[in-house]
Amino acid sequence: MQNLIIFIVMLFSASSAFSATASAKGRITGYYTGWAKDEVRVQIEGASYAESNCPVKDGYVTIESDNTGYKTHVTALLAAYMSGKPVTIIVEGCIDNRPRIYGVYID
């Protein structure tokens, strides 16, 4: 029985990882911070913002209260923005009706 429970937990964990998708690779053209909370939204050249089928398609978002990788993502995004390096955003789900940042690759 314990093995069955472990298998089910692993199955659900794996399925959530497979729902993450990658954005188009491009330079960050906009870097916006939240007004009343720790939030960052970025816009990327050539992005459609359609990866998670969220209603608002004006950027990718990360919020500290929703993401344990928030500080790392914000640091990587700001470094890429300031250096002009292209990035690929890994997206999973929606937050504030926008695609939620799950990972950042500086290419």
Protein backbone atom coordinates (compact mmCIF):
# COMPACT_ATOMS: atom_id res chain seq x y z
CA MET A 1 0.00 0.00 0.00
CA GLN A 2 2.81 2.41 0.87
CA ASN A 3 4.43 1.78 -2.53
CA LEU A 4 1.14 2.58 -4.26
CA ILE A 5 0.87 5.90 -2.41
CA ILE A 6 4.46 6.79 -3.31
CA PHE A 7 3.79 5.90 -6.96
CA ILE A 8 0.67 8.09 -7.08
CA VAL A 9 2.51 11.05 -5.51
CA MET A 10 5.36 10.66 -7.99
CA LEU A 11 2.91 10.41 -10.88
CA PHE A 12 1.24 13.69 -9.94
CA SER A 13 4.60 15.37 -9.39
CA ALA A 14 5.84 14.24 -12.79
CA SER A 15 2.68 15.32 -14.59
CA SER A 16 2.99 18.88 -13.24
CA ALA A 17 6.60 19.07 -14.47
CA PHE A 18 5.51 18.03 -17.95
CA SER A 19 3.01 20.88 -18.16
CA ALA A 20 5.81 23.47 -18.21
CA THR A 21 6.56 24.91 -21.65
CA ALA A 22 9.26 27.18 -23.05
CA SER A 23 8.77 30.66 -24.47
CA ALA A 24 10.36 31.98 -27.60
CA LYS A 25 14.01 32.91 -27.14
CA GLY A 26 14.52 36.67 -27.19
CA ARG A 27 15.79 39.76 -25.46
CA ILE A 28 13.80 41.33 -22.65
CA THR A 29 12.14 44.48 -23.97
CA GLY A 30 10.28 45.42 -20.77
CA TYR A 31 10.93 44.87 -17.06
CA TYR A 32 8.09 45.91 -14.75
CA THR A 33 7.73 45.65 -10.98
CA GLY A 34 4.56 45.31 -8.91
CA TRP A 35 3.04 48.26 -7.12
CA ALA A 36 1.71 46.67 -3.95
CA LYS A 37 3.56 43.34 -3.86
CA ASP A 38 6.85 41.71 -4.83
CA GLU A 39 6.06 40.98 -8.46
CA VAL A 40 8.00 41.22 -11.73
CA ARG A 41 6.59 41.08 -15.26
CA VAL A 42 8.82 40.90 -18.31
CA GLN A 43 8.17 41.25 -22.01
CA ILE A 44 10.32 39.41 -24.54
CA GLU A 45 10.81 40.20 -28.20
CA GLY A 46 8.98 37.73 -30.41
CA ALA A 47 6.92 36.20 -27.57
CA SER A 48 3.23 35.42 -28.01
CA TYR A 49 2.61 34.81 -24.26
CA ALA A 50 0.27 31.96 -25.25
CA GLU A 51 2.14 29.05 -23.63
CA SER A 52 -0.31 28.57 -20.74
CA ASN A 53 -3.36 29.96 -22.51
CA CYS A 54 -3.76 32.74 -19.93
CA PRO A 55 -6.29 35.53 -20.62
CA VAL A 56 -3.79 38.45 -20.48
CA LYS A 57 -0.96 38.25 -23.04
CA ASP A 58 1.31 41.18 -22.17
CA GLY A 59 4.21 39.48 -20.42
CA TYR A 60 5.47 36.73 -18.12
CA VAL A 61 5.01 37.15 -14.34
CA THR A 62 6.61 35.93 -11.14
CA ILE A 63 5.35 36.80 -7.66
CA GLU A 64 7.31 36.12 -4.48
CA SER A 65 4.35 34.69 -2.57
CA ASP A 66 3.71 32.16 -5.37
CA ASN A 67 7.22 31.09 -6.31
CA THR A 68 10.07 29.77 -4.17
CA GLY A 69 12.46 30.60 -7.04
CA TYR A 70 11.34 34.23 -7.16
CA LYS A 71 14.63 35.82 -6.08
CA THR A 72 16.67 33.72 -8.48
CA HIS A 73 14.29 34.45 -11.37
CA VAL A 74 14.25 38.19 -10.67
CA THR A 75 18.05 38.30 -10.46
CA ALA A 76 18.52 36.34 -13.71
CA LEU A 77 15.89 38.42 -15.54
CA LEU A 78 17.40 41.73 -14.42
CA ALA A 79 20.93 40.59 -15.36
CA ALA A 80 19.73 39.51 -18.81
CA TYR A 81 17.77 42.74 -19.29
CA MET A 82 20.72 44.94 -18.36
CA SER A 83 23.23 42.95 -20.45
CA GLY A 84 20.96 42.52 -23.47
CA LYS A 85 21.35 38.73 -23.41
CA PRO A 86 18.48 36.65 -24.81
CA VAL A 87 16.42 34.50 -22.46
CA THR A 88 14.00 31.63 -22.64
CA ILE A 89 11.25 31.62 -20.03
CA ILE A 90 9.85 28.35 -18.75
CA VAL A 91 6.15 28.82 -18.11
CA GLU A 92 3.75 26.82 -15.99
CA GLY A 93 0.18 27.93 -15.42
CA CYS A 94 -1.13 31.44 -14.91
CA ILE A 95 -0.81 34.04 -12.19
CA ASP A 96 -2.62 37.38 -12.26
CA ASN A 97 -4.12 36.07 -15.53
CA ARG A 98 -0.64 36.06 -17.15
CA PRO A 99 1.81 33.22 -17.88
CA ARG A 100 3.64 32.24 -14.66
CA ILE A 101 7.45 32.12 -14.73
CA TYR A 102 8.65 28.70 -13.64
CA GLY A 103 12.25 29.00 -14.81
CA VAL A 104 14.65 31.32 -16.63
CA TYR A 105 17.42 30.39 -19.08
CA ILE A 106 19.91 33.04 -20.10
CA ASP A 107 20.94 31.90 -23.59
